[in-house]
C-alpha cells in the first residue's frame, strides 16, 4: 500500500510558467491588434487589451526576478522555478 503522505511531484513541463505566459501574451496581442485595426469596442476595449499586455509583461518580469533569486540562493525566493 503506497504511503498517502508522499505526493509525487509534477513533471517540470507541467510546472513551467513560460507556456502559459507566452500563450496569454500572444492572445492579448492578437486581441489588441484586432481592436486597434478593426476599430472594435472603442477606447475602453483598447485600454483593456493594453492592460492585459502590461500584466503579461509584469508577470514575465516577476518570473525572471524569482528565477534570479533562486539562482542566487535567496531565502525569500519561490521554490520550484529552477
PDB file of N, CA and C in Angstrom:
ATOM      1  N   UNK A   1       0.846  -1.180   0.000  1.00  0.00           N
ATOM      2  CA  UNK A   1       0.000   0.000   0.000  1.00  0.00           C
ATOM      3  C   UNK A   1       0.896   1.249   0.000  1.00  0.00           C
ATOM      4  N   UNK A   2       0.685   2.179  -0.945  1.00  0.00           N
ATOM      5  CA  UNK A   2       1.534   3.374  -1.021  1.00  0.00           C
ATOM      6  C   UNK A   2       1.310   4.297   0.167  1.00  0.00           C
ATOM      7  N   UNK A   3       2.366   4.999   0.499  1.00  0.00           N
ATOM      8  CA  UNK A   3       2.304   5.964   1.590  1.00  0.00           C
ATOM      9  C   UNK A   3       1.465   7.159   1.155  1.00  0.00           C
ATOM     10  N   UNK A   4       0.397   7.450   1.865  1.00  0.00           N
ATOM     11  CA  UNK A   4      -0.538   8.512   1.489  1.00  0.00           C
ATOM     12  C   UNK A   4       0.024   9.909   1.732  1.00  0.00           C
ATOM     13  N   UNK A   5       1.079  10.013   2.528  1.00  0.00           N
ATOM     14  CA  UNK A   5       1.635  11.329   2.824  1.00  0.00           C
ATOM     15  C   UNK A   5       2.611  11.806   1.760  1.00  0.00           C
ATOM     16  N   UNK A   6       3.118  10.920   0.921  1.00  0.00           N
ATOM     17  CA  UNK A   6       4.059  11.345  -0.113  1.00  0.00           C
ATOM     18  C   UNK A   6       3.315  11.556  -1.433  1.00  0.00           C
ATOM     19  N   UNK A   7       3.241  12.796  -1.842  1.00  0.00           N
ATOM     20  CA  UNK A   7       2.572  13.164  -3.086  1.00  0.00           C
ATOM     21  C   UNK A   7       3.650  13.339  -4.145  1.00  0.00           C
ATOM     22  N   UNK A   8       3.515  12.659  -5.275  1.00  0.00           N
ATOM     23  CA  UNK A   8       4.550  12.798  -6.305  1.00  0.00           C
ATOM     24  C   UNK A   8       4.569  14.213  -6.879  1.00  0.00           C
ATOM     25  N   UNK A   9       5.763  14.653  -7.235  1.00  0.00           N
ATOM     26  CA  UNK A   9       5.927  15.993  -7.798  1.00  0.00           C
ATOM     27  C   UNK A   9       5.508  15.986  -9.268  1.00  0.00           C
ATOM     28  N   UNK A  10       4.902  17.087  -9.701  1.00  0.00           N
ATOM     29  CA  UNK A  10       4.514  17.214 -11.102  1.00  0.00           C
ATOM     30  C   UNK A  10       5.755  17.282 -11.989  1.00  0.00           C
ATOM     31  N   UNK A  11       5.653  16.775 -13.203  1.00  0.00           N
ATOM     32  CA  UNK A  11       6.786  16.907 -14.121  1.00  0.00           C
ATOM     33  C   UNK A  11       7.086  18.380 -14.405  1.00  0.00           C
ATOM     34  N   UNK A  12       8.328  18.658 -14.747  1.00  0.00           N
ATOM     35  CA  UNK A  12       8.768  20.044 -14.977  1.00  0.00           C
ATOM     36  C   UNK A  12       7.959  20.721 -16.075  1.00  0.00           C
ATOM     37  N   UNK A  13       7.572  19.981 -17.103  1.00  0.00           N
ATOM     38  CA  UNK A  13       6.827  20.600 -18.203  1.00  0.00           C
ATOM     39  C   UNK A  13       5.441  21.058 -17.773  1.00  0.00           C
ATOM     40  N   UNK A  14       4.887  20.470 -16.723  1.00  0.00           N
ATOM     41  CA  UNK A  14       3.576  20.895 -16.226  1.00  0.00           C
ATOM     42  C   UNK A  14       3.694  22.021 -15.203  1.00  0.00           C
ATOM     43  N   UNK A  15       4.892  22.228 -14.670  1.00  0.00           N
ATOM     44  CA  UNK A  15       5.114  23.299 -13.694  1.00  0.00           C
ATOM     45  C   UNK A  15       5.654  24.562 -14.330  1.00  0.00           C
ATOM     46  N   UNK A  16       6.079  24.486 -15.578  1.00  0.00           N
ATOM     47  CA  UNK A  16       6.732  25.621 -16.238  1.00  0.00           C
ATOM     48  C   UNK A  16       5.734  26.745 -16.508  1.00  0.00           C
ATOM     49  N   UNK A  17       6.042  27.971 -16.068  1.00  0.00           N
ATOM     50  CA  UNK A  17       5.134  29.090 -16.303  1.00  0.00           C
ATOM     51  C   UNK A  17       5.254  29.694 -17.702  1.00  0.00           C
ATOM     52  N   UNK A  18       6.350  29.418 -18.405  1.00  0.00           N
ATOM     53  CA  UNK A  18       6.588  30.067 -19.692  1.00  0.00           C
ATOM     54  C   UNK A  18       5.486  29.827 -20.721  1.00  0.00           C
ATOM     55  N   UNK A  19       5.027  28.583 -20.922  1.00  0.00           N
ATOM     56  CA  UNK A  19       3.984  28.394 -21.941  1.00  0.00           C
ATOM     57  C   UNK A  19       2.714  29.176 -21.639  1.00  0.00           C
ATOM     58  N   UNK A  20       2.344  29.252 -20.390  1.00  0.00           N
ATOM     59  CA  UNK A  20       1.129  29.985 -20.008  1.00  0.00           C
ATOM     60  C   UNK A  20       1.314  31.476 -20.265  1.00  0.00           C
ATOM     61  N   UNK A  21       2.471  31.999 -19.902  1.00  0.00           N
ATOM     62  CA  UNK A  21       2.744  33.416 -20.100  1.00  0.00           C
ATOM     63  C   UNK A  21       2.765  33.758 -21.585  1.00  0.00           C
ATOM     64  N   UNK A  22       3.441  32.932 -22.369  1.00  0.00           N
ATOM     65  CA  UNK A  22       3.553  33.199 -23.806  1.00  0.00           C
ATOM     66  C   UNK A  22       2.186  33.135 -24.487  1.00  0.00           C
ATOM     67  N   UNK A  23       1.412  32.101 -24.188  1.00  0.00           N
ATOM     68  CA  UNK A  23       0.082  31.970 -24.800  1.00  0.00           C
ATOM     69  C   UNK A  23      -0.803  33.154 -24.398  1.00  0.00           C
ATOM     70  N   UNK A  24      -0.756  33.536 -23.135  1.00  0.00           N
ATOM     71  CA  UNK A  24      -1.555  34.671 -22.674  1.00  0.00           C
ATOM     72  C   UNK A  24      -1.162  35.973 -23.348  1.00  0.00           C
ATOM     73  N   UNK A  25       0.137  36.212 -23.462  1.00  0.00           N
ATOM     74  CA  UNK A  25       0.589  37.456 -24.092  1.00  0.00           C
ATOM     75  C   UNK A  25       0.261  37.475 -25.585  1.00  0.00           C
ATOM     76  N   UNK A  26       0.386  36.328 -26.243  1.00  0.00           N
ATOM     77  CA  UNK A  26       0.032  36.270 -27.669  1.00  0.00           C
ATOM     78  C   UNK A  26      -1.465  36.518 -27.852  1.00  0.00           C
ATOM     79  N   UNK A  27      -2.281  35.943 -26.968  1.00  0.00           N
ATOM     80  CA  UNK A  27      -3.732  36.160 -27.056  1.00  0.00           C
ATOM     81  C   UNK A  27      -4.070  37.633 -26.856  1.00  0.00           C
ATOM     82  N   UNK A  28      -3.434  38.283 -25.868  1.00  0.00           N
ATOM     83  CA  UNK A  28      -3.685  39.710 -25.655  1.00  0.00           C
ATOM     84  C   UNK A  28      -3.169  40.542 -26.823  1.00  0.00           C
ATOM     85  N   UNK A  29      -2.052  40.140 -27.420  1.00  0.00           N
ATOM     86  CA  UNK A  29      -1.533  40.867 -28.567  1.00  0.00           C
ATOM     87  C   UNK A  29      -2.491  40.761 -29.755  1.00  0.00           C
ATOM     88  N   UNK A  30      -3.010  39.571 -30.009  1.00  0.00           N
ATOM     89  CA  UNK A  30      -3.977  39.386 -31.097  1.00  0.00           C
ATOM     90  C   UNK A  30      -5.231  40.213 -30.833  1.00  0.00           C
ATOM     91  N   UNK A  31      -5.711  40.175 -29.599  1.00  0.00           N
ATOM     92  CA  UNK A  31      -6.903  40.951 -29.253  1.00  0.00           C
ATOM     93  C   UNK A  31      -6.640  42.456 -29.410  1.00  0.00           C
ATOM     94  N   UNK A  32      -5.471  42.902 -28.985  1.00  0.00           N
ATOM     95  CA  UNK A  32      -5.128  44.323 -29.109  1.00  0.00           C
ATOM     96  C   UNK A  32      -5.094  44.748 -30.573  1.00  0.00           C
ATOM     97  N   UNK A  33      -4.461  43.932 -31.406  1.00  0.00           N
ATOM     98  CA  UNK A  33      -4.398  44.267 -32.830  1.00  0.00           C
ATOM     99  C   UNK A  33      -5.783  44.250 -33.467  1.00  0.00           C
ATOM    100  N   UNK A  34      -6.611  43.281 -33.088  1.00  0.00           N
ATOM    101  CA  UNK A  34      -7.971  43.215 -33.648  1.00  0.00           C
ATOM    102  C   UNK A  34      -8.789  44.435 -33.249  1.00  0.00           C
ATOM    103  N   UNK A  35      -8.678  44.840 -31.998  1.00  0.00           N
ATOM    104  CA  UNK A  35      -9.436  46.007 -31.528  1.00  0.00           C
ATOM    105  C   UNK A  35      -8.900  47.280 -32.174  1.00  0.00           C
ATOM    106  N   UNK A  36      -7.584  47.398 -32.277  1.00  0.00           N
ATOM    107  CA  UNK A  36      -6.975  48.605 -32.815  1.00  0.00           C
ATOM    108  C   UNK A  36      -7.203  48.728 -34.322  1.00  0.00           C
ATOM    109  N   UNK A  37      -6.889  47.662 -35.061  1.00  0.00           N
ATOM    110  CA  UNK A  37      -7.017  47.717 -36.525  1.00  0.00           C
ATOM    111  C   UNK A  37      -8.483  47.710 -36.952  1.00  0.00           C
ATOM    112  N   UNK A  38      -9.284  46.874 -36.310  1.00  0.00           N
ATOM    113  CA  UNK A  38     -10.693  46.770 -36.686  1.00  0.00           C
ATOM    114  C   UNK A  38     -11.574  47.826 -36.066  1.00  0.00           C
ATOM    115  N   UNK A  39     -10.990  48.672 -35.215  1.00  0.00           N
ATOM    116  CA  UNK A  39     -11.744  49.718 -34.515  1.00  0.00           C
ATOM    117  C   UNK A  39     -12.972  49.118 -33.826  1.00  0.00           C
ATOM    118  N   UNK A  40     -12.732  48.039 -33.072  1.00  0.00           N
ATOM    119  CA  UNK A  40     -13.799  47.335 -32.363  1.00  0.00           C
ATOM    120  C   UNK A  40     -13.845  47.753 -30.899  1.00  0.00           C
ATOM    121  N   UNK A  41     -15.003  47.965 -30.382  1.00  0.00           N
ATOM    122  CA  UNK A  41     -15.169  48.172 -28.950  1.00  0.00           C
ATOM    123  C   UNK A  41     -14.813  49.525 -28.391  1.00  0.00           C
ATOM    124  N   UNK A  42     -14.291  50.403 -29.184  1.00  0.00           N
ATOM    125  CA  UNK A  42     -13.975  51.738 -28.692  1.00  0.00           C
ATOM    126  C   UNK A  42     -12.712  51.799 -27.863  1.00  0.00           C
ATOM    127  N   UNK A  43     -12.539  52.935 -27.184  1.00  0.00           N
ATOM    128  CA  UNK A  43     -11.321  53.179 -26.408  1.00  0.00           C
ATOM    129  C   UNK A  43     -11.203  52.266 -25.190  1.00  0.00           C
ATOM    130  N   UNK A  44     -12.330  51.918 -24.586  1.00  0.00           N
ATOM    131  CA  UNK A  44     -12.281  51.069 -23.400  1.00  0.00           C
ATOM    132  C   UNK A  44     -11.735  49.686 -23.728  1.00  0.00           C
ATOM    133  N   UNK A  45     -12.137  49.136 -24.853  1.00  0.00           N
ATOM    134  CA  UNK A  45     -11.648  47.811 -25.243  1.00  0.00           C
ATOM    135  C   UNK A  45     -10.145  47.851 -25.508  1.00  0.00           C
ATOM    136  N   UNK A  46      -9.671  48.902 -26.156  1.00  0.00           N
ATOM    137  CA  UNK A  46      -8.236  49.023 -26.418  1.00  0.00           C
ATOM    138  C   UNK A  46      -7.463  49.174 -25.110  1.00  0.00           C
ATOM    139  N   UNK A  47      -8.000  49.940 -24.182  1.00  0.00           N
ATOM    140  CA  UNK A  47      -7.339  50.102 -22.882  1.00  0.00           C
ATOM    141  C   UNK A  47      -7.261  48.769 -22.141  1.00  0.00           C
ATOM    142  N   UNK A  48      -8.322  47.990 -22.196  1.00  0.00           N
ATOM    143  CA  UNK A  48      -8.329  46.685 -21.530  1.00  0.00           C
ATOM    144  C   UNK A  48      -7.280  45.769 -22.150  1.00  0.00           C
ATOM    145  N   UNK A  49      -7.183  45.778 -23.474  1.00  0.00           N
ATOM    146  CA  UNK A  49      -6.185  44.950 -24.155  1.00  0.00           C
ATOM    147  C   UNK A  49      -4.766  45.374 -23.786  1.00  0.00           C
ATOM    148  N   UNK A  50      -4.533  46.672 -23.721  1.00  0.00           N
ATOM    149  CA  UNK A  50      -3.203  47.160 -23.353  1.00  0.00           C
ATOM    150  C   UNK A  50      -2.859  46.803 -21.915  1.00  0.00           C
ATOM    151  N   UNK A  51      -3.833  46.870 -21.032  1.00  0.00           N
ATOM    152  CA  UNK A  51      -3.603  46.457 -19.647  1.00  0.00           C
ATOM    153  C   UNK A  51      -3.292  44.955 -19.588  1.00  0.00           C
ATOM    154  N   UNK A  52      -3.985  44.152 -20.390  1.00  0.00           N
ATOM    155  CA  UNK A  52      -3.691  42.724 -20.455  1.00  0.00           C
ATOM    156  C   UNK A  52      -2.258  42.461 -20.887  1.00  0.00           C
ATOM    157  N   UNK A  53      -1.792  43.199 -21.884  1.00  0.00           N
ATOM    158  CA  UNK A  53      -0.392  43.079 -22.296  1.00  0.00           C
ATOM    159  C   UNK A  53       0.557  43.510 -21.173  1.00  0.00           C
ATOM    160  N   UNK A  54       0.192  44.573 -20.483  1.00  0.00           N
ATOM    161  CA  UNK A  54       1.016  45.047 -19.368  1.00  0.00           C
ATOM    162  C   UNK A  54       1.119  44.031 -18.251  1.00  0.00           C
ATOM    163  N   UNK A  55       0.015  43.349 -17.972  1.00  0.00           N
ATOM    164  CA  UNK A  55       0.031  42.304 -16.937  1.00  0.00           C
ATOM    165  C   UNK A  55       0.946  41.161 -17.374  1.00  0.00           C
ATOM    166  N   UNK A  56       0.932  40.829 -18.655  1.00  0.00           N
ATOM    167  CA  UNK A  56       1.828  39.795 -19.165  1.00  0.00           C
ATOM    168  C   UNK A  56       3.285  40.184 -19.016  1.00  0.00           C
ATOM    169  N   UNK A  57       3.604  41.431 -19.314  1.00  0.00           N
ATOM    170  CA  UNK A  57       4.976  41.912 -19.154  1.00  0.00           C
ATOM    171  C   UNK A  57       5.368  41.897 -17.676  1.00  0.00           C
ATOM    172  N   UNK A  58       4.470  42.345 -16.800  1.00  0.00           N
ATOM    173  CA  UNK A  58       4.756  42.334 -15.366  1.00  0.00           C
ATOM    174  C   UNK A  58       4.950  40.901 -14.861  1.00  0.00           C
ATOM    175  N   UNK A  59       4.120  39.982 -15.322  1.00  0.00           N
ATOM    176  CA  UNK A  59       4.260  38.579 -14.922  1.00  0.00           C
ATOM    177  C   UNK A  59       5.584  37.999 -15.371  1.00  0.00           C
ATOM    178  N   UNK A  60       5.993  38.344 -16.572  1.00  0.00           N
ATOM    179  CA  UNK A  60       7.281  37.878 -17.069  1.00  0.00           C
ATOM    180  C   UNK A  60       8.419  38.428 -16.217  1.00  0.00           C
ATOM    181  N   UNK A  61       8.336  39.699 -15.859  1.00  0.00           N
ATOM    182  CA  UNK A  61       9.369  40.317 -15.025  1.00  0.00           C
ATOM    183  C   UNK A  61       9.435  39.642 -13.656  1.00  0.00           C
ATOM    184  N   UNK A  62       8.283  39.310 -13.079  1.00  0.00           N
ATOM    185  CA  UNK A  62       8.254  38.654 -11.774  1.00  0.00           C
ATOM    186  C   UNK A  62       8.877  37.266 -11.851  1.00  0.00           C
ATOM    187  N   UNK A  63       8.519  36.504 -12.882  1.00  0.00           N
ATOM    188  CA  UNK A  63       9.081  35.159 -13.038  1.00  0.00           C
ATOM    189  C   UNK A  63      10.594  35.236 -13.211  1.00  0.00           C
ATOM    190  N   UNK A  64      11.069  36.172 -14.026  1.00  0.00           N
ATOM    191  CA  UNK A  64      12.512  36.311 -14.227  1.00  0.00           C
ATOM    192  C   UNK A  64      13.222  36.745 -12.944  1.00  0.00           C
ATOM    193  N   UNK A  65      12.609  37.645 -12.180  1.00  0.00           N
ATOM    194  CA  UNK A  65      13.200  38.072 -10.912  1.00  0.00           C
ATOM    195  C   UNK A  65      13.254  36.918  -9.919  1.00  0.00           C
ATOM    196  N   UNK A  66      12.206  36.117  -9.861  1.00  0.00           N
ATOM    197  CA  UNK A  66      12.195  34.971  -8.954  1.00  0.00           C
ATOM    198  C   UNK A  66      13.246  33.939  -9.371  1.00  0.00           C
ATOM    199  N   UNK A  67      13.385  33.720 -10.671  1.00  0.00           N
ATOM    200  CA  UNK A  67      14.414  32.779 -11.148  1.00  0.00           C
ATOM    201  C   UNK A  67      15.803  33.257 -10.752  1.00  0.00           C
ATOM    202  N   UNK A  68      16.037  34.559 -10.893  1.00  0.00           N
ATOM    203  CA  UNK A  68      17.328  35.111 -10.483  1.00  0.00           C
ATOM    204  C   UNK A  68      17.562  34.923  -8.991  1.00  0.00           C
ATOM    205  N   UNK A  69      16.523  35.108  -8.201  1.00  0.00           N
ATOM    206  CA  UNK A  69      16.645  34.921  -6.753  1.00  0.00           C
ATOM    207  C   UNK A  69      16.927  33.464  -6.414  1.00  0.00           C
ATOM    208  N   UNK A  70      16.313  32.544  -7.144  1.00  0.00           N
ATOM    209  CA  UNK A  70      16.569  31.117  -6.914  1.00  0.00           C
ATOM    210  C   UNK A  70      18.027  30.801  -7.236  1.00  0.00           C
ATOM    211  N   UNK A  71      18.524  31.325  -8.344  1.00  0.00           N
ATOM    212  CA  UNK A  71      19.913  31.060  -8.738  1.00  0.00           C
ATOM    213  C   UNK A  71      20.904  31.649  -7.742  1.00  0.00           C
ATOM    214  N   UNK A  72      20.565  32.812  -7.162  1.00  0.00           N
ATOM    215  CA  UNK A  72      21.439  33.427  -6.161  1.00  0.00           C
ATOM    216  C   UNK A  72      21.346  32.735  -4.817  1.00  0.00           C
ATOM    217  N   UNK A  73      20.303  31.940  -4.633  1.00  0.00           N
ATOM    218  CA  UNK A  73      20.121  31.255  -3.351  1.00  0.00           C
ATOM    219  C   UNK A  73      19.444  32.113  -2.304  1.00  0.00           C
ATOM    220  N   UNK A  74      18.681  33.101  -2.727  1.00  0.00           N
ATOM    221  CA  UNK A  74      17.993  33.987  -1.798  1.00  0.00           C
ATOM    222  C   UNK A  74      16.969  33.213  -0.968  1.00  0.00           C
ATOM    223  N   UNK A  75      16.902  33.527   0.322  1.00  0.00           N
ATOM    224  CA  UNK A  75      15.978  32.812   1.210  1.00  0.00           C
ATOM    225  C   UNK A  75      14.531  33.073   0.865  1.00  0.00           C
ATOM    226  N   UNK A  76      14.192  34.229   0.346  1.00  0.00           N
ATOM    227  CA  UNK A  76      12.816  34.581   0.044  1.00  0.00           C
ATOM    228  C   UNK A  76      12.359  34.148  -1.349  1.00  0.00           C
ATOM    229  N   UNK A  77      13.205  33.424  -2.058  1.00  0.00           N
ATOM    230  CA  UNK A  77      12.875  33.033  -3.436  1.00  0.00           C
ATOM    231  C   UNK A  77      11.818  31.937  -3.442  1.00  0.00           C
ATOM    232  N   UNK A  78      10.987  31.988  -4.463  1.00  0.00           N
ATOM    233  CA  UNK A  78       9.978  30.952  -4.649  1.00  0.00           C
ATOM    234  C   UNK A  78      10.662  29.658  -5.045  1.00  0.00           C
ATOM    235  N   UNK A  79      10.190  28.558  -4.504  1.00  0.00           N
ATOM    236  CA  UNK A  79      10.797  27.264  -4.807  1.00  0.00           C
ATOM    237  C   UNK A  79      10.151  26.652  -6.043  1.00  0.00           C
ATOM    238  N   UNK A  80      10.908  25.813  -6.744  1.00  0.00           N
ATOM    239  CA  UNK A  80      10.374  25.087  -7.872  1.00  0.00           C
ATOM    240  C   UNK A  80      10.531  25.794  -9.205  1.00  0.00           C
ATOM    241  N   UNK A  81      11.266  26.893  -9.261  1.00  0.00           N
ATOM    242  CA  UNK A  81      11.443  27.611 -10.524  1.00  0.00           C
ATOM    243  C   UNK A  81      12.811  27.355 -11.157  1.00  0.00           C
ATOM    244  N   UNK A  82      13.559  26.423 -10.619  1.00  0.00           N
ATOM    245  CA  UNK A  82      14.903  26.170 -11.165  1.00  0.00           C
ATOM    246  C   UNK A  82      14.891  25.351 -12.405  1.00  0.00           C
TER     247      UNK A  82
END
